[in-house]
Amino acid sequence: MNDNENFEGEDLDNIVILNDEDGNEVKFEFLDLVELDDEEYVVLLPVVEEGEEEEGEVVILKVEDVDEESDEESYVSVDDEAVLNQVFEIFKEKFKDDFDFVD
């Protein structure tokens, strides 16, 4: 099966595939990279497969360097609600004209 079949007409350059805690591949659309307090966070939107219900909630993960020599990165979950809110507020301000945000 060709992966491009699921994304007809979409730009695949901004698709990130991550593994969940069960080892399943999950596709996300990369929306932005936000810097806060000398840390970087990615804002991702889960890709909705055909037939699935769209939730519209973004996922915010912290970027950590795995290996400085190879420039590999790892994304880890953020438990600090205050940090998540700050990153999301920066993202909302940056993209207020591009997205309709619901509080």
N, C-alpha and C. Protein backbone atom coordinates (compact mmCIF):
# COMPACT_ATOMS: atom_id res chain seq x y z
N MET A 1 0.84 -1.19 0.00
CA MET A 1 0.00 0.00 0.00
C MET A 1 0.88 1.24 0.00
N ASN A 2 0.54 2.17 -0.78
CA ASN A 2 1.29 3.41 -0.87
C ASN A 2 0.75 4.40 0.15
N ASP A 3 1.63 4.95 1.01
CA ASP A 3 1.21 5.90 2.04
C ASP A 3 0.55 7.13 1.44
N ASN A 4 0.91 7.48 0.23
CA ASN A 4 0.37 8.69 -0.39
C ASN A 4 -1.12 8.57 -0.67
N GLU A 5 -1.66 7.37 -0.71
CA GLU A 5 -3.09 7.19 -0.98
C GLU A 5 -3.96 7.84 0.08
N ASN A 6 -3.49 7.84 1.32
CA ASN A 6 -4.27 8.41 2.41
C ASN A 6 -4.20 9.93 2.45
N PHE A 7 -3.29 10.52 1.71
CA PHE A 7 -3.07 11.96 1.82
C PHE A 7 -3.13 12.62 0.45
N GLU A 8 -4.11 12.25 -0.34
CA GLU A 8 -4.23 12.80 -1.68
C GLU A 8 -4.31 14.31 -1.62
N GLY A 9 -3.44 14.98 -2.37
CA GLY A 9 -3.47 16.43 -2.46
C GLY A 9 -2.81 17.13 -1.29
N GLU A 10 -2.38 16.41 -0.27
CA GLU A 10 -1.74 17.05 0.88
C GLU A 10 -0.23 17.03 0.72
N ASP A 11 0.42 18.01 1.32
CA ASP A 11 1.87 18.07 1.32
C ASP A 11 2.38 17.14 2.42
N LEU A 12 3.11 16.10 2.05
CA LEU A 12 3.57 15.11 3.02
C LEU A 12 4.81 15.53 3.78
N ASP A 13 5.40 16.67 3.43
CA ASP A 13 6.62 17.11 4.09
C ASP A 13 6.40 17.44 5.56
N ASN A 14 5.19 17.81 5.94
CA ASN A 14 4.96 18.20 7.33
C ASN A 14 4.29 17.09 8.14
N ILE A 15 4.32 15.85 7.65
CA ILE A 15 3.76 14.72 8.39
C ILE A 15 4.86 14.06 9.22
N VAL A 16 4.57 13.89 10.51
CA VAL A 16 5.50 13.26 11.44
C VAL A 16 4.85 11.97 11.91
N ILE A 17 5.61 10.88 11.88
CA ILE A 17 5.09 9.59 12.36
C ILE A 17 5.79 9.24 13.67
N LEU A 18 5.00 9.08 14.71
CA LEU A 18 5.53 8.75 16.03
C LEU A 18 4.92 7.42 16.48
N ASN A 19 5.57 6.79 17.44
CA ASN A 19 5.05 5.55 18.03
C ASN A 19 4.43 5.87 19.38
N ASP A 20 3.21 5.35 19.60
CA ASP A 20 2.58 5.56 20.90
C ASP A 20 3.12 4.56 21.91
N GLU A 21 2.57 4.60 23.13
CA GLU A 21 3.09 3.74 24.20
C GLU A 21 2.91 2.26 23.92
N ASP A 22 2.02 1.92 22.97
CA ASP A 22 1.81 0.52 22.60
C ASP A 22 2.62 0.11 21.37
N GLY A 23 3.43 1.05 20.84
CA GLY A 23 4.23 0.74 19.67
C GLY A 23 3.53 0.96 18.35
N ASN A 24 2.31 1.49 18.39
CA ASN A 24 1.56 1.75 17.16
C ASN A 24 2.01 3.06 16.53
N GLU A 25 2.09 3.08 15.20
CA GLU A 25 2.45 4.31 14.51
C GLU A 25 1.26 5.25 14.46
N VAL A 26 1.53 6.51 14.79
CA VAL A 26 0.49 7.54 14.77
C VAL A 26 1.03 8.70 13.93
N LYS A 27 0.20 9.17 12.97
CA LYS A 27 0.62 10.25 12.09
C LYS A 27 0.11 11.58 12.61
N PHE A 28 1.00 12.58 12.57
CA PHE A 28 0.67 13.93 13.00
C PHE A 28 1.08 14.92 11.92
N GLU A 29 0.35 16.02 11.87
CA GLU A 29 0.76 17.13 11.03
C GLU A 29 1.54 18.09 11.91
N PHE A 30 2.77 18.43 11.48
CA PHE A 30 3.61 19.37 12.22
C PHE A 30 3.05 20.77 11.98
N LEU A 31 2.67 21.47 13.06
CA LEU A 31 2.11 22.81 12.93
C LEU A 31 3.13 23.89 13.24
N ASP A 32 3.93 23.70 14.30
CA ASP A 32 4.86 24.76 14.69
C ASP A 32 5.90 24.24 15.67
N LEU A 33 6.97 25.01 15.78
CA LEU A 33 8.01 24.79 16.78
C LEU A 33 8.02 26.05 17.65
N VAL A 34 7.78 25.89 18.94
CA VAL A 34 7.67 27.02 19.86
C VAL A 34 8.82 26.96 20.85
N GLU A 35 9.49 28.11 21.04
CA GLU A 35 10.55 28.19 22.03
C GLU A 35 10.02 28.86 23.29
N LEU A 36 10.35 28.27 24.45
CA LEU A 36 9.94 28.82 25.74
C LEU A 36 11.01 28.48 26.76
N ASP A 37 11.55 29.50 27.40
CA ASP A 37 12.57 29.31 28.45
C ASP A 37 13.71 28.42 27.98
N ASP A 38 14.27 28.72 26.82
CA ASP A 38 15.41 27.99 26.24
C ASP A 38 15.10 26.52 25.95
N GLU A 39 13.84 26.17 25.87
CA GLU A 39 13.42 24.82 25.50
C GLU A 39 12.59 24.93 24.23
N GLU A 40 12.55 23.85 23.45
CA GLU A 40 11.74 23.82 22.24
C GLU A 40 10.62 22.80 22.39
N TYR A 41 9.45 23.18 21.85
CA TYR A 41 8.27 22.33 21.90
C TYR A 41 7.66 22.26 20.51
N VAL A 42 7.21 21.07 20.11
CA VAL A 42 6.53 20.94 18.83
C VAL A 42 5.02 20.91 19.09
N VAL A 43 4.30 21.54 18.17
CA VAL A 43 2.84 21.52 18.22
C VAL A 43 2.39 20.67 17.04
N LEU A 44 1.72 19.56 17.35
CA LEU A 44 1.31 18.59 16.34
C LEU A 44 -0.20 18.42 16.35
N LEU A 45 -0.76 18.12 15.19
CA LEU A 45 -2.18 17.84 15.06
C LEU A 45 -2.33 16.42 14.54
N PRO A 46 -3.03 15.55 15.30
CA PRO A 46 -3.21 14.17 14.81
C PRO A 46 -3.89 14.17 13.45
N VAL A 47 -3.37 13.34 12.54
CA VAL A 47 -3.95 13.20 11.21
C VAL A 47 -5.16 12.29 11.34
N VAL A 48 -6.28 12.77 10.84
CA VAL A 48 -7.52 12.01 10.91
C VAL A 48 -7.63 11.15 9.67
N GLU A 49 -7.70 9.84 9.88
CA GLU A 49 -7.88 8.90 8.77
C GLU A 49 -9.33 8.94 8.32
N GLU A 50 -9.55 8.53 7.11
CA GLU A 50 -10.91 8.51 6.57
C GLU A 50 -11.81 7.65 7.45
N GLY A 51 -12.98 8.17 7.80
CA GLY A 51 -13.92 7.43 8.62
C GLY A 51 -13.78 7.68 10.11
N GLU A 52 -12.69 8.34 10.54
CA GLU A 52 -12.50 8.64 11.95
C GLU A 52 -13.11 10.00 12.27
N GLU A 53 -13.46 10.20 13.53
CA GLU A 53 -14.02 11.48 13.96
C GLU A 53 -12.88 12.45 14.25
N GLU A 54 -13.05 13.69 13.81
CA GLU A 54 -12.02 14.71 14.00
C GLU A 54 -12.20 15.39 15.34
N GLU A 55 -11.14 15.39 16.18
CA GLU A 55 -11.22 16.03 17.49
C GLU A 55 -10.70 17.46 17.44
N GLY A 56 -9.64 17.71 16.67
CA GLY A 56 -9.10 19.05 16.54
C GLY A 56 -8.21 19.49 17.68
N GLU A 57 -7.82 18.58 18.56
CA GLU A 57 -6.95 18.93 19.67
C GLU A 57 -5.50 18.72 19.26
N VAL A 58 -4.66 19.71 19.59
CA VAL A 58 -3.24 19.59 19.27
C VAL A 58 -2.52 18.82 20.37
N VAL A 59 -1.35 18.32 20.00
CA VAL A 59 -0.48 17.63 20.94
C VAL A 59 0.80 18.46 21.05
N ILE A 60 1.23 18.75 22.27
CA ILE A 60 2.45 19.51 22.49
C ILE A 60 3.47 18.60 23.15
N LEU A 61 4.64 18.47 22.52
CA LEU A 61 5.71 17.62 23.04
C LEU A 61 6.99 18.42 23.13
N LYS A 62 7.81 18.10 24.12
CA LYS A 62 9.10 18.76 24.30
C LYS A 62 10.14 18.08 23.41
N VAL A 63 10.99 18.89 22.79
CA VAL A 63 12.05 18.37 21.94
C VAL A 63 13.29 18.15 22.79
N GLU A 64 13.85 16.94 22.73
CA GLU A 64 15.09 16.63 23.45
C GLU A 64 16.08 16.04 22.46
N ASP A 65 17.33 16.46 22.59
CA ASP A 65 18.39 15.92 21.75
C ASP A 65 18.77 14.54 22.26
N VAL A 66 18.77 13.57 21.34
CA VAL A 66 19.16 12.22 21.70
C VAL A 66 20.67 12.08 21.55
N ASP A 67 21.17 12.57 20.42
CA ASP A 67 22.58 12.43 20.10
C ASP A 67 23.02 13.70 19.39
N GLU A 68 23.86 14.50 20.05
CA GLU A 68 24.29 15.78 19.47
C GLU A 68 25.07 15.60 18.17
N GLU A 69 25.81 14.50 18.03
CA GLU A 69 26.62 14.28 16.83
C GLU A 69 25.76 13.99 15.61
N SER A 70 24.65 13.27 15.79
CA SER A 70 23.83 12.90 14.64
C SER A 70 22.61 13.82 14.48
N ASP A 71 22.45 14.78 15.37
CA ASP A 71 21.32 15.70 15.34
C ASP A 71 19.97 14.99 15.47
N GLU A 72 19.95 13.81 16.07
CA GLU A 72 18.69 13.11 16.29
C GLU A 72 17.94 13.78 17.43
N GLU A 73 16.61 13.82 17.28
CA GLU A 73 15.77 14.42 18.30
C GLU A 73 14.75 13.39 18.79
N SER A 74 14.28 13.62 19.99
CA SER A 74 13.24 12.81 20.57
C SER A 74 12.16 13.75 21.09
N TYR A 75 10.91 13.32 21.02
CA TYR A 75 9.82 14.12 21.56
C TYR A 75 9.29 13.42 22.81
N VAL A 76 9.16 14.19 23.89
CA VAL A 76 8.67 13.62 25.14
C VAL A 76 7.45 14.41 25.61
N SER A 77 6.58 13.72 26.32
CA SER A 77 5.37 14.38 26.82
C SER A 77 5.72 15.39 27.91
N VAL A 78 4.85 16.37 28.07
CA VAL A 78 5.03 17.43 29.05
C VAL A 78 3.95 17.27 30.11
N ASP A 79 4.37 17.12 31.36
CA ASP A 79 3.42 16.94 32.45
C ASP A 79 3.01 18.24 33.11
N ASP A 80 3.79 19.29 32.92
CA ASP A 80 3.55 20.58 33.56
C ASP A 80 2.46 21.34 32.81
N GLU A 81 1.28 21.42 33.42
CA GLU A 81 0.12 22.07 32.79
C GLU A 81 0.40 23.54 32.49
N ALA A 82 1.16 24.21 33.35
CA ALA A 82 1.47 25.63 33.14
C ALA A 82 2.32 25.82 31.88
N VAL A 83 3.29 24.93 31.67
CA VAL A 83 4.14 25.00 30.48
C VAL A 83 3.30 24.73 29.23
N LEU A 84 2.45 23.71 29.29
CA LEU A 84 1.57 23.41 28.16
C LEU A 84 0.71 24.61 27.80
N ASN A 85 0.14 25.26 28.80
CA ASN A 85 -0.71 26.42 28.56
C ASN A 85 0.08 27.58 27.95
N GLN A 86 1.31 27.81 28.45
CA GLN A 86 2.15 28.88 27.91
C GLN A 86 2.49 28.62 26.44
N VAL A 87 2.89 27.40 26.12
CA VAL A 87 3.24 27.04 24.75
C VAL A 87 2.01 27.20 23.86
N PHE A 88 0.85 26.74 24.32
CA PHE A 88 -0.36 26.84 23.52
C PHE A 88 -0.77 28.30 23.31
N GLU A 89 -0.60 29.15 24.32
CA GLU A 89 -0.93 30.57 24.17
C GLU A 89 -0.02 31.23 23.13
N ILE A 90 1.27 30.89 23.13
CA ILE A 90 2.20 31.41 22.12
C ILE A 90 1.75 30.96 20.74
N PHE A 91 1.42 29.68 20.62
CA PHE A 91 0.96 29.14 19.35
C PHE A 91 -0.32 29.84 18.88
N LYS A 92 -1.29 30.01 19.79
CA LYS A 92 -2.55 30.66 19.43
C LYS A 92 -2.33 32.09 18.96
N GLU A 93 -1.46 32.82 19.63
CA GLU A 93 -1.19 34.20 19.24
C GLU A 93 -0.54 34.26 17.85
N LYS A 94 0.37 33.35 17.61
CA LYS A 94 1.09 33.30 16.34
C LYS A 94 0.16 32.97 15.16
N PHE A 95 -0.83 32.11 15.41
CA PHE A 95 -1.70 31.62 14.34
C PHE A 95 -3.16 32.05 14.51
N LYS A 96 -3.39 33.16 15.20
CA LYS A 96 -4.77 33.60 15.47
C LYS A 96 -5.55 33.88 14.19
N ASP A 97 -4.86 34.23 13.10
CA ASP A 97 -5.54 34.51 11.84
C ASP A 97 -5.72 33.27 10.97
N ASP A 98 -5.03 32.17 11.33
CA ASP A 98 -5.05 30.97 10.51
C ASP A 98 -6.01 29.88 11.02
N PHE A 99 -6.27 29.89 12.34
CA PHE A 99 -7.11 28.85 12.94
C PHE A 99 -8.23 29.48 13.74
N ASP A 100 -9.33 28.77 13.87
CA ASP A 100 -10.41 29.18 14.75
C ASP A 100 -10.25 28.39 16.06
N PHE A 101 -9.82 29.05 17.11
CA PHE A 101 -9.59 28.39 18.39
C PHE A 101 -10.85 28.45 19.23
N VAL A 102 -11.16 27.31 19.88
CA VAL A 102 -12.32 27.22 20.75
C VAL A 102 -11.81 27.02 22.16
N ASP A 103 -12.27 27.88 23.07
CA ASP A 103 -11.84 27.77 24.47
C ASP A 103 -12.67 26.76 25.22
